[in-house]
Amino acid sequence: MTPEGKVKAAVKEVLKAHGAYWHCPVQNGLGAPSLDFICCFKGRYFGIETKKPGGKPTPRQLLTIKAIEDAGGKVFVIDGDTSALQRWLNEVNEPFIKAQHERTFL
């Protein structure tokens, strides 16, 4: 597995563990450019660009990142460490856990 492939595998595990929806668009030159992962979790839209350790987004990817952020989405560029993604998913999920807990004790 390539270094970037290992990062993608780690990201998939995090997304699966949290129950997030995700897909990996196939870039074939048709349509708009995209990132490696397009995701939704608890109504929040986010994209993920994976890179080998130390890798950086291309200029085209930076434009896509800006477009997603300008539209109100969240973007992660992950080159190995998934902790920021995991933290964010936990933060997004926290109100849902609290609401479920409160309903349990009503």
N, C-alpha and C. Protein backbone atom coordinates (compact mmCIF):
# COMPACT_ATOMS: atom_id res chain seq x y z
N MET A 1 0.85 -1.18 0.00
CA MET A 1 0.00 0.00 0.00
C MET A 1 0.90 1.24 0.00
N THR A 2 0.52 2.23 -0.79
CA THR A 2 1.30 3.47 -0.86
C THR A 2 1.18 4.25 0.45
N PRO A 3 2.11 5.18 0.71
CA PRO A 3 1.98 6.00 1.92
C PRO A 3 0.64 6.75 1.98
N GLU A 4 0.19 7.31 0.83
CA GLU A 4 -1.11 7.98 0.82
C GLU A 4 -2.24 6.98 1.01
N GLY A 5 -2.08 5.78 0.47
CA GLY A 5 -3.09 4.73 0.65
C GLY A 5 -3.27 4.37 2.12
N LYS A 6 -2.19 4.38 2.88
CA LYS A 6 -2.27 4.10 4.32
C LYS A 6 -3.04 5.20 5.03
N VAL A 7 -2.83 6.44 4.62
CA VAL A 7 -3.56 7.57 5.21
C VAL A 7 -5.05 7.43 4.88
N LYS A 8 -5.37 7.11 3.63
CA LYS A 8 -6.77 6.92 3.24
C LYS A 8 -7.43 5.81 4.05
N ALA A 9 -6.72 4.72 4.26
CA ALA A 9 -7.26 3.61 5.05
C ALA A 9 -7.55 4.06 6.48
N ALA A 10 -6.65 4.85 7.07
CA ALA A 10 -6.87 5.35 8.43
C ALA A 10 -8.08 6.28 8.49
N VAL A 11 -8.23 7.14 7.48
CA VAL A 11 -9.39 8.05 7.42
C VAL A 11 -10.68 7.24 7.31
N LYS A 12 -10.70 6.23 6.46
CA LYS A 12 -11.90 5.40 6.31
C LYS A 12 -12.30 4.75 7.63
N GLU A 13 -11.32 4.30 8.40
CA GLU A 13 -11.61 3.68 9.69
C GLU A 13 -12.26 4.69 10.65
N VAL A 14 -11.75 5.91 10.67
CA VAL A 14 -12.32 6.95 11.54
C VAL A 14 -13.76 7.25 11.11
N LEU A 15 -13.97 7.43 9.82
CA LEU A 15 -15.31 7.74 9.33
C LEU A 15 -16.29 6.61 9.64
N LYS A 16 -15.87 5.38 9.43
CA LYS A 16 -16.72 4.23 9.72
C LYS A 16 -17.05 4.16 11.21
N ALA A 17 -16.06 4.39 12.05
CA ALA A 17 -16.26 4.31 13.50
C ALA A 17 -17.28 5.32 13.99
N HIS A 18 -17.39 6.46 13.31
CA HIS A 18 -18.34 7.50 13.72
C HIS A 18 -19.68 7.40 12.97
N GLY A 19 -19.76 6.52 12.01
CA GLY A 19 -21.00 6.37 11.26
C GLY A 19 -21.25 7.50 10.27
N ALA A 20 -20.18 8.12 9.79
CA ALA A 20 -20.31 9.21 8.82
C ALA A 20 -20.57 8.64 7.43
N TYR A 21 -21.33 9.39 6.63
CA TYR A 21 -21.48 9.06 5.21
C TYR A 21 -20.25 9.61 4.49
N TRP A 22 -19.72 8.86 3.54
CA TRP A 22 -18.61 9.35 2.74
C TRP A 22 -18.55 8.60 1.42
N HIS A 23 -17.96 9.27 0.45
CA HIS A 23 -17.62 8.60 -0.80
C HIS A 23 -16.36 9.25 -1.36
N CYS A 24 -15.73 8.53 -2.25
CA CYS A 24 -14.50 9.00 -2.89
C CYS A 24 -14.79 9.21 -4.37
N PRO A 25 -14.94 10.46 -4.78
CA PRO A 25 -15.25 10.73 -6.19
C PRO A 25 -14.13 10.24 -7.12
N VAL A 26 -14.53 9.75 -8.26
CA VAL A 26 -13.58 9.34 -9.29
C VAL A 26 -13.31 10.56 -10.17
N GLN A 27 -12.08 10.99 -10.21
CA GLN A 27 -11.70 12.15 -11.01
C GLN A 27 -11.34 11.70 -12.42
N ASN A 28 -12.22 12.00 -13.37
CA ASN A 28 -11.96 11.58 -14.74
C ASN A 28 -11.98 12.74 -15.73
N GLY A 29 -11.91 13.96 -15.21
CA GLY A 29 -11.90 15.12 -16.09
C GLY A 29 -13.27 15.70 -16.38
N LEU A 30 -14.32 15.01 -15.99
CA LEU A 30 -15.67 15.51 -16.19
C LEU A 30 -16.18 16.12 -14.88
N GLY A 31 -16.93 17.18 -14.98
CA GLY A 31 -17.49 17.79 -13.78
C GLY A 31 -16.47 18.63 -13.02
N ALA A 32 -16.86 19.01 -11.82
CA ALA A 32 -16.03 19.88 -10.99
C ALA A 32 -14.93 19.07 -10.30
N PRO A 33 -13.80 19.71 -10.03
CA PRO A 33 -12.76 19.02 -9.27
C PRO A 33 -13.26 18.75 -7.85
N SER A 34 -12.70 17.76 -7.22
CA SER A 34 -13.13 17.39 -5.88
C SER A 34 -11.93 17.01 -5.03
N LEU A 35 -12.20 16.66 -3.79
CA LEU A 35 -11.17 16.17 -2.88
C LEU A 35 -11.29 14.65 -2.79
N ASP A 36 -10.40 14.02 -2.04
CA ASP A 36 -10.39 12.56 -1.96
C ASP A 36 -11.66 11.99 -1.34
N PHE A 37 -12.20 12.68 -0.33
CA PHE A 37 -13.41 12.22 0.36
C PHE A 37 -14.42 13.36 0.42
N ILE A 38 -15.66 13.05 0.12
CA ILE A 38 -16.78 13.97 0.33
C ILE A 38 -17.65 13.30 1.39
N CYS A 39 -17.96 14.03 2.46
CA CYS A 39 -18.57 13.40 3.62
C CYS A 39 -19.71 14.24 4.20
N CYS A 40 -20.55 13.56 4.97
CA CYS A 40 -21.60 14.23 5.72
C CYS A 40 -21.75 13.51 7.06
N PHE A 41 -21.85 14.29 8.12
CA PHE A 41 -22.02 13.74 9.46
C PHE A 41 -22.92 14.65 10.26
N LYS A 42 -24.05 14.11 10.69
CA LYS A 42 -25.01 14.87 11.50
C LYS A 42 -25.40 16.18 10.81
N GLY A 43 -25.54 16.12 9.49
CA GLY A 43 -25.95 17.28 8.71
C GLY A 43 -24.83 18.23 8.35
N ARG A 44 -23.62 17.92 8.71
CA ARG A 44 -22.46 18.78 8.42
C ARG A 44 -21.70 18.23 7.22
N TYR A 45 -21.49 19.08 6.23
CA TYR A 45 -20.78 18.71 5.00
C TYR A 45 -19.29 18.97 5.21
N PHE A 46 -18.45 18.00 4.82
CA PHE A 46 -17.01 18.22 4.90
C PHE A 46 -16.28 17.40 3.85
N GLY A 47 -15.11 17.88 3.52
CA GLY A 47 -14.25 17.20 2.56
C GLY A 47 -12.92 16.88 3.21
N ILE A 48 -12.28 15.86 2.69
CA ILE A 48 -10.97 15.46 3.20
C ILE A 48 -10.04 15.24 2.01
N GLU A 49 -8.90 15.86 2.08
CA GLU A 49 -7.83 15.61 1.11
C GLU A 49 -6.73 14.87 1.87
N THR A 50 -6.38 13.69 1.40
CA THR A 50 -5.32 12.92 2.04
C THR A 50 -4.02 13.07 1.26
N LYS A 51 -2.94 13.07 2.01
CA LYS A 51 -1.60 13.21 1.43
C LYS A 51 -0.66 12.24 2.11
N LYS A 52 0.39 11.86 1.42
CA LYS A 52 1.44 11.09 2.08
C LYS A 52 2.02 11.99 3.18
N PRO A 53 2.66 11.42 4.19
CA PRO A 53 3.22 12.25 5.25
C PRO A 53 4.11 13.37 4.68
N GLY A 54 3.80 14.60 5.10
CA GLY A 54 4.53 15.78 4.64
C GLY A 54 4.01 16.36 3.33
N GLY A 55 3.04 15.68 2.69
CA GLY A 55 2.51 16.16 1.42
C GLY A 55 1.63 17.38 1.59
N LYS A 56 1.50 18.16 0.55
CA LYS A 56 0.71 19.39 0.55
C LYS A 56 -0.29 19.36 -0.61
N PRO A 57 -1.44 20.04 -0.46
CA PRO A 57 -2.40 20.12 -1.56
C PRO A 57 -1.82 20.86 -2.77
N THR A 58 -2.29 20.46 -3.96
CA THR A 58 -1.90 21.14 -5.19
C THR A 58 -2.64 22.48 -5.28
N PRO A 59 -2.22 23.37 -6.17
CA PRO A 59 -2.95 24.63 -6.34
C PRO A 59 -4.43 24.39 -6.69
N ARG A 60 -4.72 23.42 -7.53
CA ARG A 60 -6.11 23.12 -7.88
C ARG A 60 -6.89 22.64 -6.65
N GLN A 61 -6.27 21.80 -5.84
CA GLN A 61 -6.92 21.33 -4.61
C GLN A 61 -7.16 22.48 -3.65
N LEU A 62 -6.22 23.42 -3.59
CA LEU A 62 -6.41 24.59 -2.73
C LEU A 62 -7.62 25.41 -3.17
N LEU A 63 -7.84 25.51 -4.47
CA LEU A 63 -9.04 26.21 -4.97
C LEU A 63 -10.31 25.48 -4.56
N THR A 64 -10.29 24.15 -4.63
CA THR A 64 -11.45 23.36 -4.22
C THR A 64 -11.69 23.49 -2.73
N ILE A 65 -10.63 23.46 -1.95
CA ILE A 65 -10.74 23.65 -0.50
C ILE A 65 -11.38 24.99 -0.19
N LYS A 66 -10.91 26.04 -0.84
CA LYS A 66 -11.46 27.38 -0.61
C LYS A 66 -12.94 27.43 -0.99
N ALA A 67 -13.30 26.81 -2.11
CA ALA A 67 -14.71 26.82 -2.55
C ALA A 67 -15.60 26.11 -1.52
N ILE A 68 -15.15 24.99 -0.98
CA ILE A 68 -15.93 24.28 0.03
C ILE A 68 -16.06 25.13 1.29
N GLU A 69 -14.97 25.72 1.72
CA GLU A 69 -15.01 26.55 2.94
C GLU A 69 -15.86 27.79 2.73
N ASP A 70 -15.75 28.40 1.55
CA ASP A 70 -16.57 29.59 1.26
C ASP A 70 -18.07 29.26 1.28
N ALA A 71 -18.41 28.01 0.96
CA ALA A 71 -19.81 27.59 0.96
C ALA A 71 -20.28 27.13 2.34
N GLY A 72 -19.40 27.20 3.32
CA GLY A 72 -19.76 26.84 4.69
C GLY A 72 -19.38 25.43 5.10
N GLY A 73 -18.68 24.72 4.23
CA GLY A 73 -18.23 23.37 4.56
C GLY A 73 -16.92 23.38 5.33
N LYS A 74 -16.58 22.26 5.86
CA LYS A 74 -15.33 22.07 6.61
C LYS A 74 -14.42 21.20 5.76
N VAL A 75 -13.11 21.48 5.84
CA VAL A 75 -12.14 20.69 5.08
C VAL A 75 -10.99 20.28 6.00
N PHE A 76 -10.57 19.04 5.82
CA PHE A 76 -9.39 18.53 6.50
C PHE A 76 -8.38 18.10 5.46
N VAL A 77 -7.13 18.48 5.67
CA VAL A 77 -6.02 17.95 4.88
C VAL A 77 -5.25 17.06 5.85
N ILE A 78 -5.23 15.77 5.56
CA ILE A 78 -4.67 14.80 6.49
C ILE A 78 -3.49 14.10 5.84
N ASP A 79 -2.35 14.19 6.51
CA ASP A 79 -1.15 13.52 6.00
C ASP A 79 -0.67 12.42 6.95
N GLY A 80 -1.58 11.92 7.75
CA GLY A 80 -1.25 10.81 8.64
C GLY A 80 -1.98 10.88 9.97
N ASP A 81 -1.96 12.02 10.62
CA ASP A 81 -2.58 12.18 11.93
C ASP A 81 -4.06 12.51 11.77
N THR A 82 -4.92 11.62 12.22
CA THR A 82 -6.37 11.81 12.07
C THR A 82 -7.01 12.44 13.31
N SER A 83 -6.21 12.87 14.28
CA SER A 83 -6.78 13.35 15.55
C SER A 83 -7.67 14.58 15.38
N ALA A 84 -7.34 15.50 14.49
CA ALA A 84 -8.18 16.69 14.30
C ALA A 84 -9.55 16.28 13.75
N LEU A 85 -9.58 15.34 12.83
CA LEU A 85 -10.84 14.83 12.29
C LEU A 85 -11.65 14.15 13.40
N GLN A 86 -11.00 13.31 14.18
CA GLN A 86 -11.69 12.61 15.26
C GLN A 86 -12.25 13.59 16.28
N ARG A 87 -11.48 14.60 16.65
CA ARG A 87 -11.94 15.62 17.59
C ARG A 87 -13.17 16.34 17.06
N TRP A 88 -13.12 16.74 15.78
CA TRP A 88 -14.23 17.47 15.18
C TRP A 88 -15.49 16.60 15.13
N LEU A 89 -15.35 15.35 14.73
CA LEU A 89 -16.51 14.45 14.69
C LEU A 89 -17.11 14.29 16.08
N ASN A 90 -16.27 14.18 17.10
CA ASN A 90 -16.78 14.08 18.47
C ASN A 90 -17.50 15.35 18.89
N GLU A 91 -16.96 16.52 18.52
CA GLU A 91 -17.60 17.80 18.85
C GLU A 91 -18.95 17.93 18.17
N VAL A 92 -19.03 17.55 16.90
CA VAL A 92 -20.29 17.61 16.17
C VAL A 92 -21.31 16.65 16.79
N ASN A 93 -20.86 15.50 17.24
CA ASN A 93 -21.75 14.49 17.78
C ASN A 93 -22.20 14.80 19.21
N GLU A 94 -21.45 15.62 19.94
CA GLU A 94 -21.74 15.86 21.35
C GLU A 94 -23.17 16.32 21.64
N PRO A 95 -23.73 17.30 20.90
CA PRO A 95 -25.12 17.69 21.18
C PRO A 95 -26.12 16.55 20.97
N PHE A 96 -25.85 15.66 20.03
CA PHE A 96 -26.74 14.54 19.78
C PHE A 96 -26.69 13.54 20.93
N ILE A 97 -25.50 13.35 21.47
CA ILE A 97 -25.35 12.44 22.61
C ILE A 97 -26.05 13.02 23.83
N LYS A 98 -25.88 14.32 24.08
CA LYS A 98 -26.54 14.98 25.21
C LYS A 98 -28.06 14.89 25.09
N ALA A 99 -28.57 15.15 23.89
CA ALA A 99 -30.02 15.09 23.68
C ALA A 99 -30.54 13.68 23.91
N GLN A 100 -29.82 12.70 23.45
CA GLN A 100 -30.24 11.31 23.65
C GLN A 100 -30.21 10.97 25.14
N HIS A 101 -29.19 11.43 25.83
CA HIS A 101 -29.07 11.19 27.26
C HIS A 101 -30.23 11.84 28.02
N GLU A 102 -30.57 13.06 27.64
CA GLU A 102 -31.67 13.78 28.31
C GLU A 102 -32.99 13.07 28.07
N ARG A 103 -33.23 12.56 26.87
CA ARG A 103 -34.47 11.84 26.58
C ARG A 103 -34.57 10.55 27.39
N THR A 104 -33.42 9.94 27.65
CA THR A 104 -33.40 8.69 28.41
C THR A 104 -33.89 8.91 29.83
N PHE A 105 -33.62 10.10 30.37
CA PHE A 105 -33.96 10.37 31.76
C PHE A 105 -35.23 11.19 31.91
N LEU A 106 -36.01 11.37 30.88
CA LEU A 106 -37.28 12.09 30.99
C LEU A 106 -38.39 11.18 31.45
